[in-house]
């Protein structure tokens, strides 16, 4: 399922990550979806702190490692998502966790 990186209902642009594991890895064919006020054409993407040429789309599959965030008019910038291109990664589910929760870890290579 989709994984929002900020609480539902907050006045912040949401950046949804699929598959919902952290850190995201390039070889998982990560899809980012930007949700916020306005229309799809109002989306502005940033990669590694620079405005990035994927405007007019609210969703895309990542093809380069880096740190991504998006912006929609009327809401703040989304939280950043880092996509790695590492060979060995320990991943955790991208969901809010409580102290008493059991967590499944994934070691991927």
N, C-alpha and C. Protein backbone atom coordinates (compact mmCIF):
# COMPACT_ATOMS: atom_id res chain seq x y z
N UNK A 1 0.79 -1.19 0.00
CA UNK A 1 0.00 0.00 0.00
C UNK A 1 0.83 1.25 0.00
N UNK A 2 0.13 2.36 -0.16
CA UNK A 2 0.78 3.67 -0.17
C UNK A 2 1.22 4.04 1.23
N UNK A 3 2.26 4.84 1.31
CA UNK A 3 2.75 5.21 2.62
C UNK A 3 2.96 6.72 2.71
N UNK A 4 2.08 7.46 3.40
CA UNK A 4 2.30 8.90 3.58
C UNK A 4 3.40 9.13 4.60
N UNK A 5 4.20 10.17 4.38
CA UNK A 5 5.29 10.48 5.29
C UNK A 5 4.93 11.55 6.29
N UNK A 6 3.70 12.05 6.30
CA UNK A 6 3.25 12.96 7.36
C UNK A 6 1.82 12.60 7.72
N UNK A 7 1.37 13.05 8.90
CA UNK A 7 0.05 12.65 9.39
C UNK A 7 -1.07 13.08 8.46
N UNK A 8 -2.07 12.25 8.34
CA UNK A 8 -3.24 12.57 7.53
C UNK A 8 -3.91 13.83 8.08
N UNK A 9 -4.29 14.72 7.15
CA UNK A 9 -4.97 15.93 7.55
C UNK A 9 -4.04 17.09 7.83
N UNK A 10 -2.74 16.86 7.89
CA UNK A 10 -1.80 17.96 8.11
C UNK A 10 -1.75 18.83 6.86
N UNK A 11 -1.49 20.12 7.05
CA UNK A 11 -1.40 21.04 5.92
C UNK A 11 -0.01 20.97 5.30
N UNK A 12 0.39 19.79 4.94
CA UNK A 12 1.69 19.55 4.33
C UNK A 12 1.46 18.69 3.10
N UNK A 13 2.21 18.96 2.05
CA UNK A 13 2.15 18.12 0.88
C UNK A 13 2.62 16.71 1.26
N UNK A 14 1.94 15.70 0.76
CA UNK A 14 2.27 14.31 1.05
C UNK A 14 3.11 13.73 -0.08
N UNK A 15 4.15 13.00 0.26
CA UNK A 15 4.96 12.29 -0.72
C UNK A 15 4.81 10.80 -0.41
N UNK A 16 4.10 10.09 -1.27
CA UNK A 16 3.81 8.67 -1.06
C UNK A 16 4.86 7.83 -1.77
N UNK A 17 5.27 6.75 -1.12
CA UNK A 17 6.35 5.91 -1.62
C UNK A 17 5.84 4.48 -1.80
N UNK A 18 6.10 3.91 -2.95
CA UNK A 18 5.74 2.52 -3.22
C UNK A 18 6.93 1.84 -3.89
N UNK A 19 7.43 0.70 -3.39
CA UNK A 19 6.96 -0.04 -2.23
C UNK A 19 7.30 0.69 -0.92
N UNK A 20 6.51 0.45 0.13
CA UNK A 20 6.62 1.25 1.36
C UNK A 20 7.69 0.75 2.33
N UNK A 21 8.96 0.80 1.89
CA UNK A 21 10.09 0.39 2.74
C UNK A 21 11.10 1.52 2.78
N UNK A 22 11.80 1.62 3.91
CA UNK A 22 12.78 2.69 4.11
C UNK A 22 14.10 2.06 4.56
N UNK A 23 15.24 2.44 3.98
CA UNK A 23 15.34 3.41 2.88
C UNK A 23 14.86 2.80 1.56
N UNK A 24 14.38 3.67 0.68
CA UNK A 24 13.99 3.23 -0.65
C UNK A 24 15.25 2.94 -1.46
N UNK A 25 15.18 1.93 -2.32
CA UNK A 25 16.33 1.58 -3.14
C UNK A 25 15.95 1.59 -4.61
N UNK A 26 16.85 2.10 -5.43
CA UNK A 26 16.59 2.32 -6.85
C UNK A 26 16.15 1.04 -7.54
N UNK A 27 16.75 -0.09 -7.20
CA UNK A 27 16.44 -1.34 -7.90
C UNK A 27 15.09 -1.93 -7.51
N UNK A 28 14.34 -1.28 -6.63
CA UNK A 28 12.97 -1.68 -6.31
C UNK A 28 11.94 -1.02 -7.23
N UNK A 29 12.40 -0.25 -8.21
CA UNK A 29 11.50 0.50 -9.08
C UNK A 29 10.52 1.34 -8.25
N UNK A 30 11.08 2.26 -7.48
CA UNK A 30 10.32 3.10 -6.55
C UNK A 30 9.45 4.09 -7.31
N UNK A 31 8.18 4.17 -6.91
CA UNK A 31 7.27 5.17 -7.47
C UNK A 31 6.97 6.20 -6.39
N UNK A 32 7.11 7.47 -6.75
CA UNK A 32 6.77 8.58 -5.85
C UNK A 32 5.51 9.26 -6.36
N UNK A 33 4.59 9.56 -5.44
CA UNK A 33 3.36 10.26 -5.78
C UNK A 33 3.21 11.47 -4.87
N UNK A 34 3.00 12.64 -5.47
CA UNK A 34 2.85 13.88 -4.71
C UNK A 34 1.37 14.19 -4.57
N UNK A 35 0.92 14.42 -3.33
CA UNK A 35 -0.48 14.77 -3.08
C UNK A 35 -0.54 16.04 -2.26
N UNK A 36 -1.45 16.93 -2.65
CA UNK A 36 -1.64 18.18 -1.94
C UNK A 36 -2.73 18.97 -2.62
N UNK A 37 -2.87 20.22 -2.25
CA UNK A 37 -3.88 21.07 -2.87
C UNK A 37 -3.50 21.37 -4.31
N UNK A 38 -4.48 21.80 -5.09
CA UNK A 38 -4.22 22.15 -6.48
C UNK A 38 -4.40 20.95 -7.40
N UNK A 39 -3.98 21.12 -8.64
CA UNK A 39 -4.13 20.06 -9.65
C UNK A 39 -2.78 19.43 -9.95
N UNK A 40 -2.83 18.34 -10.70
CA UNK A 40 -1.61 17.62 -11.06
C UNK A 40 -0.57 18.55 -11.67
N UNK A 41 -0.99 19.45 -12.54
CA UNK A 41 -0.07 20.36 -13.21
C UNK A 41 0.60 21.36 -12.29
N UNK A 42 0.14 21.44 -11.03
CA UNK A 42 0.72 22.37 -10.07
C UNK A 42 1.90 21.77 -9.30
N UNK A 43 2.26 20.53 -9.60
CA UNK A 43 3.32 19.85 -8.85
C UNK A 43 4.70 20.36 -9.27
N UNK A 44 5.53 20.68 -8.28
CA UNK A 44 6.93 21.01 -8.53
C UNK A 44 7.79 20.00 -7.78
N UNK A 45 8.73 19.37 -8.49
CA UNK A 45 9.62 18.37 -7.89
C UNK A 45 11.00 18.96 -7.68
N UNK A 46 11.65 18.48 -6.62
CA UNK A 46 13.04 18.86 -6.33
C UNK A 46 13.85 17.59 -6.13
N UNK A 47 15.06 17.58 -6.68
CA UNK A 47 15.99 16.47 -6.50
C UNK A 47 17.31 17.04 -6.03
N UNK A 48 17.78 16.53 -4.89
CA UNK A 48 19.05 16.98 -4.30
C UNK A 48 19.09 18.51 -4.15
N UNK A 49 17.96 19.09 -3.73
CA UNK A 49 17.90 20.52 -3.44
C UNK A 49 17.70 21.43 -4.64
N UNK A 50 17.60 20.86 -5.84
CA UNK A 50 17.42 21.66 -7.05
C UNK A 50 16.07 21.36 -7.69
N UNK A 51 15.45 22.41 -8.23
CA UNK A 51 14.20 22.18 -8.98
C UNK A 51 14.49 21.19 -10.09
N UNK A 52 13.56 20.26 -10.29
CA UNK A 52 13.83 19.12 -11.17
C UNK A 52 12.77 19.01 -12.24
N UNK A 53 13.13 18.54 -13.41
CA UNK A 53 12.29 18.64 -14.60
C UNK A 53 11.15 17.65 -14.72
N UNK A 54 10.51 17.27 -13.64
CA UNK A 54 9.36 16.37 -13.72
C UNK A 54 8.06 17.11 -13.43
N UNK A 55 8.03 18.41 -13.66
CA UNK A 55 6.79 19.15 -13.42
C UNK A 55 5.68 18.59 -14.31
N UNK A 56 4.48 18.90 -13.97
CA UNK A 56 3.26 18.49 -14.67
C UNK A 56 2.89 17.04 -14.40
N UNK A 57 3.69 16.33 -13.62
CA UNK A 57 3.33 14.98 -13.21
C UNK A 57 3.21 14.95 -11.70
N UNK A 58 2.23 14.21 -11.19
CA UNK A 58 2.17 14.05 -9.75
C UNK A 58 2.71 12.69 -9.32
N UNK A 59 3.13 11.86 -10.31
CA UNK A 59 3.60 10.51 -10.01
C UNK A 59 4.66 10.11 -11.03
N UNK A 60 5.72 9.47 -10.58
CA UNK A 60 6.72 8.96 -11.53
C UNK A 60 7.55 7.85 -10.87
N UNK A 61 8.19 7.05 -11.70
CA UNK A 61 9.10 6.01 -11.24
C UNK A 61 10.51 6.57 -11.23
N UNK A 62 11.19 6.43 -10.10
CA UNK A 62 12.53 6.99 -9.92
C UNK A 62 13.54 6.22 -10.75
N UNK A 63 14.39 6.95 -11.48
CA UNK A 63 15.43 6.32 -12.30
C UNK A 63 16.83 6.73 -11.87
N UNK A 64 16.93 7.64 -10.90
CA UNK A 64 18.23 8.09 -10.40
C UNK A 64 18.18 8.13 -8.88
N UNK A 65 19.29 7.72 -8.24
CA UNK A 65 19.35 7.86 -6.79
C UNK A 65 19.42 9.34 -6.43
N UNK A 66 19.00 9.67 -5.22
CA UNK A 66 19.03 11.06 -4.76
C UNK A 66 17.97 11.29 -3.71
N UNK A 67 17.84 12.55 -3.30
CA UNK A 67 16.84 12.95 -2.31
C UNK A 67 15.77 13.77 -3.02
N UNK A 68 14.52 13.32 -2.92
CA UNK A 68 13.41 13.92 -3.64
C UNK A 68 12.42 14.54 -2.67
N UNK A 69 11.80 15.64 -3.10
CA UNK A 69 10.64 16.19 -2.42
C UNK A 69 9.80 16.92 -3.45
N UNK A 70 8.57 17.22 -3.06
CA UNK A 70 7.67 17.89 -3.99
C UNK A 70 6.92 19.00 -3.29
N UNK A 71 6.31 19.86 -4.10
CA UNK A 71 5.58 21.02 -3.59
C UNK A 71 4.29 21.16 -4.36
N UNK A 72 3.23 21.52 -3.65
CA UNK A 72 1.95 21.85 -4.27
C UNK A 72 1.50 23.19 -3.69
N UNK A 73 0.85 24.05 -4.49
CA UNK A 73 0.42 25.35 -4.00
C UNK A 73 -0.50 25.22 -2.79
N UNK A 74 -0.31 26.07 -1.79
CA UNK A 74 -1.18 26.11 -0.64
C UNK A 74 -0.77 25.19 0.49
N UNK A 75 0.21 24.32 0.26
CA UNK A 75 0.72 23.46 1.32
C UNK A 75 2.24 23.55 1.31
N UNK A 76 2.84 23.17 2.43
CA UNK A 76 4.30 23.24 2.52
C UNK A 76 4.95 22.14 1.70
N UNK A 77 6.27 22.23 1.57
CA UNK A 77 7.03 21.18 0.89
C UNK A 77 6.81 19.84 1.60
N UNK A 78 6.88 18.78 0.83
CA UNK A 78 6.76 17.44 1.42
C UNK A 78 8.03 17.11 2.21
N UNK A 79 7.95 16.13 3.09
CA UNK A 79 9.16 15.60 3.69
C UNK A 79 10.03 14.98 2.59
N UNK A 80 11.36 14.97 2.76
CA UNK A 80 12.23 14.40 1.74
C UNK A 80 12.20 12.87 1.75
N UNK A 81 12.43 12.29 0.59
CA UNK A 81 12.59 10.84 0.45
C UNK A 81 13.93 10.59 -0.22
N UNK A 82 14.76 9.79 0.43
CA UNK A 82 16.07 9.46 -0.13
C UNK A 82 15.98 8.10 -0.81
N UNK A 83 16.43 8.05 -2.06
CA UNK A 83 16.45 6.79 -2.81
C UNK A 83 17.91 6.42 -3.02
N UNK A 84 18.30 5.25 -2.50
CA UNK A 84 19.68 4.81 -2.54
C UNK A 84 19.92 3.87 -3.73
N UNK A 85 21.19 3.73 -4.10
CA UNK A 85 21.58 2.74 -5.10
C UNK A 85 22.65 1.83 -4.51
N UNK A 86 22.48 1.48 -3.22
CA UNK A 86 23.46 0.64 -2.52
C UNK A 86 23.23 -0.83 -2.84
N UNK A 87 24.28 -1.64 -2.66
CA UNK A 87 24.20 -3.08 -2.95
C UNK A 87 23.59 -3.86 -1.80
N UNK A 88 23.75 -3.39 -0.58
CA UNK A 88 23.24 -4.10 0.60
C UNK A 88 22.50 -3.10 1.48
N UNK A 89 21.21 -3.38 1.76
CA UNK A 89 20.38 -2.41 2.48
C UNK A 89 19.54 -3.14 3.52
N UNK A 90 19.49 -2.60 4.74
CA UNK A 90 18.59 -3.06 5.78
C UNK A 90 17.39 -2.14 5.77
N UNK A 91 16.20 -2.69 5.49
CA UNK A 91 14.99 -1.88 5.35
C UNK A 91 14.01 -2.13 6.48
N UNK A 92 13.25 -1.09 6.81
CA UNK A 92 12.16 -1.18 7.78
C UNK A 92 10.88 -0.70 7.10
N UNK A 93 9.72 -1.16 7.59
CA UNK A 93 8.45 -0.68 7.00
C UNK A 93 8.32 0.83 7.20
N UNK A 94 7.80 1.50 6.20
CA UNK A 94 7.63 2.95 6.26
C UNK A 94 6.25 3.25 6.82
N UNK A 95 6.10 3.07 8.14
CA UNK A 95 4.82 3.34 8.79
C UNK A 95 5.11 3.78 10.22
N UNK A 96 4.19 4.51 10.83
CA UNK A 96 4.41 4.91 12.22
C UNK A 96 4.51 3.69 13.12
N UNK A 97 5.46 3.71 14.03
CA UNK A 97 5.68 2.59 14.94
C UNK A 97 5.55 3.04 16.39
N UNK A 98 4.99 2.16 17.22
CA UNK A 98 4.93 2.38 18.66
C UNK A 98 6.02 1.55 19.31
N UNK A 99 6.39 1.91 20.53
CA UNK A 99 7.48 1.22 21.23
C UNK A 99 7.21 -0.27 21.38
N UNK A 100 5.94 -0.65 21.53
CA UNK A 100 5.62 -2.06 21.77
C UNK A 100 5.43 -2.86 20.47
N UNK A 101 5.48 -2.21 19.31
CA UNK A 101 5.28 -2.89 18.04
C UNK A 101 6.43 -3.84 17.73
N UNK A 102 6.10 -4.99 17.15
CA UNK A 102 7.16 -5.83 16.57
C UNK A 102 7.39 -5.34 15.14
N UNK A 103 8.62 -5.41 14.70
CA UNK A 103 8.98 -4.85 13.39
C UNK A 103 9.67 -5.93 12.57
N UNK A 104 9.25 -6.05 11.32
CA UNK A 104 9.92 -6.93 10.39
C UNK A 104 10.97 -6.14 9.63
N UNK A 105 12.21 -6.61 9.69
CA UNK A 105 13.30 -5.99 8.95
C UNK A 105 13.58 -6.80 7.70
N UNK A 106 14.04 -6.13 6.64
CA UNK A 106 14.43 -6.83 5.43
C UNK A 106 15.90 -6.51 5.14
N UNK A 107 16.70 -7.54 4.98
CA UNK A 107 18.08 -7.36 4.54
C UNK A 107 18.10 -7.71 3.06
N UNK A 108 18.42 -6.73 2.22
CA UNK A 108 18.30 -6.90 0.77
C UNK A 108 19.65 -6.70 0.12
N UNK A 109 19.92 -7.51 -0.89
CA UNK A 109 21.15 -7.32 -1.66
C UNK A 109 20.90 -7.70 -3.11
